Every structure is written in C-alpha cells, then in structure tokens.
Amino acid sequence: MSSPHLRDRYLQDSINTASPAKLLLMLYDRLILDLMQGEEAMRAEERELAHDKITHAQEIVMELRISLDVEAWSGAPGLANLYGYLLTELIGANIARDPQRVAVCRGLIEPLRDSWREAAAAAVGE
C-alpha cells in the first residue's frame, strides 16, 4: 500500500473510532483551518482555492447544524441560529470575495471550539 493510501486509511480509521466529542472537535478544527486558508487565499486573490476552502467550510457548518439536537439543551437553539448566521456570512463572503467576513466568522468559531474542547476535557476528567 502506498504512503498516501496509508495516510488516508489512518485518517478514516481515526474518524471511525473517534468519540462524538472528538468528532465534534475534529469538525471545528477543520472548519477553522478552512476559514484561515480561505481567508489567506482571498487576500492572495487565489479565487479557486478560496472558493474551495470556503465552500468546504460551509459544508462543515451545515453538518454541524444538521447534527445539532435542538431539544438536547437550552443553548442549542441559539447555537443553531449562530450556525445559520455563519452559513449566510460564508456564502456572502464567497460571493463578494470578502476576506474580512471570513475573518469575522473565524473569530466567532474559535472561542466556540475552545469551549467545546474544555467541555470534552472536563467530561473525560469526571
């Protein structure tokens, strides 16, 4: 098996065996990476790369929204609204090629990701 195939298999195995909390953090980490790379590509006027990264970020936000159980806790409806706002902003940023709108979205996601990370660590420590 070639090296790229081994890497792909390792990544797939990591996803398949991850806990729900770990999967959530993996999604947030990838979302932030896509936003950073998309913003950089927009600033460098690399339109195709920017589009690909921002579109992938939109797909992650949609997955987060779809998988959110709004009945599970009192903050879930607010989080669902935030995901809707992010999706709207990312679509607009992609159309307008506006890296500042992407940066604002990343600024909203990073503290949220950090909070989920802390919650997951606290749950493991219990």
C-alpha atoms as a PDB file:
ATOM      1  CA  MET A   1       0.000   0.000   0.000  1.00  0.00           C
ATOM      2  CA  SER A   2       1.422   3.398  -0.957  1.00  0.00           C
ATOM      3  CA  SER A   3       2.073   6.175   1.526  1.00  0.00           C
ATOM      4  CA  PRO A   4      -0.925   8.353   0.500  1.00  0.00           C
ATOM      5  CA  HIS A   5      -3.233   5.341   0.823  1.00  0.00           C
ATOM      6  CA  LEU A   6      -1.863   4.561   4.282  1.00  0.00           C
ATOM      7  CA  ARG A   7      -2.421   8.153   5.339  1.00  0.00           C
ATOM      8  CA  ASP A   8      -5.991   8.118   4.016  1.00  0.00           C
ATOM      9  CA  ARG A   9      -6.674   4.837   5.784  1.00  0.00           C
ATOM     10  CA  TYR A  10      -5.249   6.173   9.040  1.00  0.00           C
ATOM     11  CA  LEU A  11      -7.404   9.297   8.796  1.00  0.00           C
ATOM     12  CA  GLN A  12     -10.518   7.268   8.032  1.00  0.00           C
ATOM     13  CA  ASP A  13      -9.783   4.906  10.933  1.00  0.00           C
ATOM     14  CA  SER A  14      -9.308   7.924  13.215  1.00  0.00           C
ATOM     15  CA  ILE A  15     -12.710   9.260  12.221  1.00  0.00           C
ATOM     16  CA  ASN A  16     -14.435   5.880  12.503  1.00  0.00           C
ATOM     17  CA  THR A  17     -13.126   5.259  16.021  1.00  0.00           C
ATOM     18  CA  ALA A  18     -13.438   8.776  17.435  1.00  0.00           C
ATOM     19  CA  SER A  19     -15.875   9.575  20.211  1.00  0.00           C
ATOM     20  CA  PRO A  20     -18.694  12.027  19.446  1.00  0.00           C
ATOM     21  CA  ALA A  21     -16.828  14.751  21.360  1.00  0.00           C
ATOM     22  CA  LYS A  22     -13.636  14.076  19.399  1.00  0.00           C
ATOM     23  CA  LEU A  23     -15.558  14.134  16.106  1.00  0.00           C
ATOM     24  CA  LEU A  24     -17.062  17.493  17.017  1.00  0.00           C
ATOM     25  CA  LEU A  25     -13.620  18.902  17.795  1.00  0.00           C
ATOM     26  CA  MET A  26     -12.247  17.482  14.550  1.00  0.00           C
ATOM     27  CA  LEU A  27     -15.009  19.274  12.633  1.00  0.00           C
ATOM     28  CA  TYR A  28     -14.342  22.553  14.407  1.00  0.00           C
ATOM     29  CA  ASP A  29     -10.585  22.244  13.841  1.00  0.00           C
ATOM     30  CA  ARG A  30     -11.079  21.582  10.141  1.00  0.00           C
ATOM     31  CA  LEU A  31     -13.604  24.418   9.900  1.00  0.00           C
ATOM     32  CA  ILE A  32     -11.097  26.848  11.379  1.00  0.00           C
ATOM     33  CA  LEU A  33      -8.348  25.555   9.083  1.00  0.00           C
ATOM     34  CA  ASP A  34     -10.600  26.013   6.039  1.00  0.00           C
ATOM     35  CA  LEU A  35     -11.518  29.527   7.146  1.00  0.00           C
ATOM     36  CA  MET A  36      -7.879  30.504   7.679  1.00  0.00           C
ATOM     37  CA  GLN A  37      -6.815  29.075   4.334  1.00  0.00           C
ATOM     38  CA  GLY A  38      -9.815  30.557   2.546  1.00  0.00           C
ATOM     39  CA  GLU A  39      -9.156  33.984   4.000  1.00  0.00           C
ATOM     40  CA  GLU A  40      -5.473  33.802   3.015  1.00  0.00           C
ATOM     41  CA  ALA A  41      -6.383  32.656  -0.499  1.00  0.00           C
ATOM     42  CA  MET A  42      -8.853  35.532  -0.871  1.00  0.00           C
ATOM     43  CA  ARG A  43      -6.215  38.028   0.199  1.00  0.00           C
ATOM     44  CA  ALA A  44      -3.789  36.482  -2.322  1.00  0.00           C
ATOM     45  CA  GLU A  45      -6.522  36.580  -4.985  1.00  0.00           C
ATOM     46  CA  GLU A  46      -6.361  32.812  -5.456  1.00  0.00           C
ATOM     47  CA  ARG A  47     -10.041  32.620  -6.319  1.00  0.00           C
ATOM     48  CA  GLU A  48     -10.406  28.898  -6.959  1.00  0.00           C
ATOM     49  CA  LEU A  49      -8.594  27.878  -3.772  1.00  0.00           C
ATOM     50  CA  ALA A  50     -10.551  30.437  -1.744  1.00  0.00           C
ATOM     51  CA  HIS A  51     -13.821  29.166  -3.188  1.00  0.00           C
ATOM     52  CA  ASP A  52     -12.921  25.542  -2.429  1.00  0.00           C
ATOM     53  CA  LYS A  53     -11.954  26.294   1.177  1.00  0.00           C
ATOM     54  CA  ILE A  54     -14.969  28.488   1.916  1.00  0.00           C
ATOM     55  CA  THR A  55     -17.334  26.012   0.263  1.00  0.00           C
ATOM     56  CA  HIS A  56     -15.888  23.206   2.402  1.00  0.00           C
ATOM     57  CA  ALA A  57     -16.308  25.404   5.472  1.00  0.00           C
ATOM     58  CA  GLN A  58     -19.964  25.904   4.503  1.00  0.00           C
ATOM     59  CA  GLU A  59     -20.405  22.126   4.263  1.00  0.00           C
ATOM     60  CA  ILE A  60     -18.972  21.699   7.763  1.00  0.00           C
ATOM     61  CA  VAL A  61     -21.288  24.369   9.174  1.00  0.00           C
ATOM     62  CA  MET A  62     -24.249  22.642   7.514  1.00  0.00           C
ATOM     63  CA  GLU A  63     -23.176  19.308   9.024  1.00  0.00           C
ATOM     64  CA  LEU A  64     -22.854  20.896  12.464  1.00  0.00           C
ATOM     65  CA  ARG A  65     -26.327  22.425  12.091  1.00  0.00           C
ATOM     66  CA  ILE A  66     -27.939  19.233  10.836  1.00  0.00           C
ATOM     67  CA  SER A  67     -26.428  17.109  13.599  1.00  0.00           C
ATOM     68  CA  LEU A  68     -27.428  19.552  16.359  1.00  0.00           C
ATOM     69  CA  ASP A  69     -30.238  18.270  18.554  1.00  0.00           C
ATOM     70  CA  VAL A  70     -32.061  21.477  19.461  1.00  0.00           C
ATOM     71  CA  GLU A  71     -34.022  19.634  22.146  1.00  0.00           C
ATOM     72  CA  ALA A  72     -30.907  18.367  23.951  1.00  0.00           C
ATOM     73  CA  TRP A  73     -30.067  21.529  25.914  1.00  0.00           C
ATOM     74  CA  SER A  74     -31.296  25.073  26.344  1.00  0.00           C
ATOM     75  CA  GLY A  75     -28.421  26.653  24.388  1.00  0.00           C
ATOM     76  CA  ALA A  76     -28.963  24.548  21.273  1.00  0.00           C
ATOM     77  CA  PRO A  77     -31.462  26.888  19.535  1.00  0.00           C
ATOM     78  CA  GLY A  78     -29.032  29.785  19.919  1.00  0.00           C
ATOM     79  CA  LEU A  79     -26.230  27.650  18.512  1.00  0.00           C
ATOM     80  CA  ALA A  80     -28.469  26.685  15.591  1.00  0.00           C
ATOM     81  CA  ASN A  81     -29.068  30.387  14.922  1.00  0.00           C
ATOM     82  CA  LEU A  82     -25.331  31.033  15.038  1.00  0.00           C
ATOM     83  CA  TYR A  83     -24.742  28.264  12.503  1.00  0.00           C
ATOM     84  CA  GLY A  84     -27.382  29.838  10.250  1.00  0.00           C
ATOM     85  CA  TYR A  85     -25.698  33.229  10.540  1.00  0.00           C
ATOM     86  CA  LEU A  86     -22.288  31.713   9.784  1.00  0.00           C
ATOM     87  CA  LEU A  87     -23.629  29.954   6.730  1.00  0.00           C
ATOM     88  CA  THR A  88     -25.180  33.161   5.416  1.00  0.00           C
ATOM     89  CA  GLU A  89     -21.976  35.113   6.041  1.00  0.00           C
ATOM     90  CA  LEU A  90     -19.760  32.488   4.408  1.00  0.00           C
ATOM     91  CA  ILE A  91     -21.952  32.385   1.318  1.00  0.00           C
ATOM     92  CA  GLY A  92     -21.861  36.177   1.141  1.00  0.00           C
ATOM     93  CA  ALA A  93     -18.107  36.277   1.734  1.00  0.00           C
ATOM     94  CA  ASN A  94     -17.550  33.745  -1.012  1.00  0.00           C
ATOM     95  CA  ILE A  95     -19.695  35.658  -3.493  1.00  0.00           C
ATOM     96  CA  ALA A  96     -18.197  39.057  -2.608  1.00  0.00           C
ATOM     97  CA  ARG A  97     -14.675  37.637  -2.156  1.00  0.00           C
ATOM     98  CA  ASP A  98     -14.539  39.386   1.209  1.00  0.00           C
ATOM     99  CA  PRO A  99     -11.787  38.033   3.488  1.00  0.00           C
ATOM    100  CA  GLN A 100     -12.908  40.265   6.371  1.00  0.00           C
ATOM    101  CA  ARG A 101     -16.273  38.478   6.559  1.00  0.00           C
ATOM    102  CA  VAL A 102     -14.408  35.174   6.699  1.00  0.00           C
ATOM    103  CA  ALA A 103     -12.209  36.529   9.495  1.00  0.00           C
ATOM    104  CA  VAL A 104     -15.294  37.564  11.476  1.00  0.00           C
ATOM    105  CA  CYS A 105     -16.729  34.049  11.124  1.00  0.00           C
ATOM    106  CA  ARG A 106     -13.454  32.535  12.296  1.00  0.00           C
ATOM    107  CA  GLY A 107     -13.487  34.927  15.239  1.00  0.00           C
ATOM    108  CA  LEU A 108     -16.868  33.515  16.254  1.00  0.00           C
ATOM    109  CA  ILE A 109     -15.891  29.883  15.769  1.00  0.00           C
ATOM    110  CA  GLU A 110     -12.524  29.816  17.550  1.00  0.00           C
ATOM    111  CA  PRO A 111     -13.842  30.581  21.068  1.00  0.00           C
ATOM    112  CA  LEU A 112     -16.707  28.161  20.497  1.00  0.00           C
ATOM    113  CA  ARG A 113     -14.256  25.417  19.529  1.00  0.00           C
ATOM    114  CA  ASP A 114     -12.173  26.196  22.617  1.00  0.00           C
ATOM    115  CA  SER A 115     -15.269  25.932  24.821  1.00  0.00           C
ATOM    116  CA  TRP A 116     -16.184  22.553  23.326  1.00  0.00           C
ATOM    117  CA  ARG A 117     -12.600  21.391  23.892  1.00  0.00           C
ATOM    118  CA  GLU A 118     -12.791  22.414  27.554  1.00  0.00           C
ATOM    119  CA  ALA A 119     -16.166  20.699  27.955  1.00  0.00           C
ATOM    120  CA  ALA A 120     -14.848  17.492  26.387  1.00  0.00           C
ATOM    121  CA  ALA A 121     -11.789  17.536  28.653  1.00  0.00           C
ATOM    122  CA  ALA A 122     -13.967  18.121  31.709  1.00  0.00           C
ATOM    123  CA  ALA A 123     -16.255  15.228  30.735  1.00  0.00           C
ATOM    124  CA  VAL A 124     -13.271  12.887  30.410  1.00  0.00           C
ATOM    125  CA  GLY A 125     -11.985  14.050  33.805  1.00  0.00           C
ATOM    126  CA  GLU A 126     -15.239  13.175  35.570  1.00  0.00           C
END
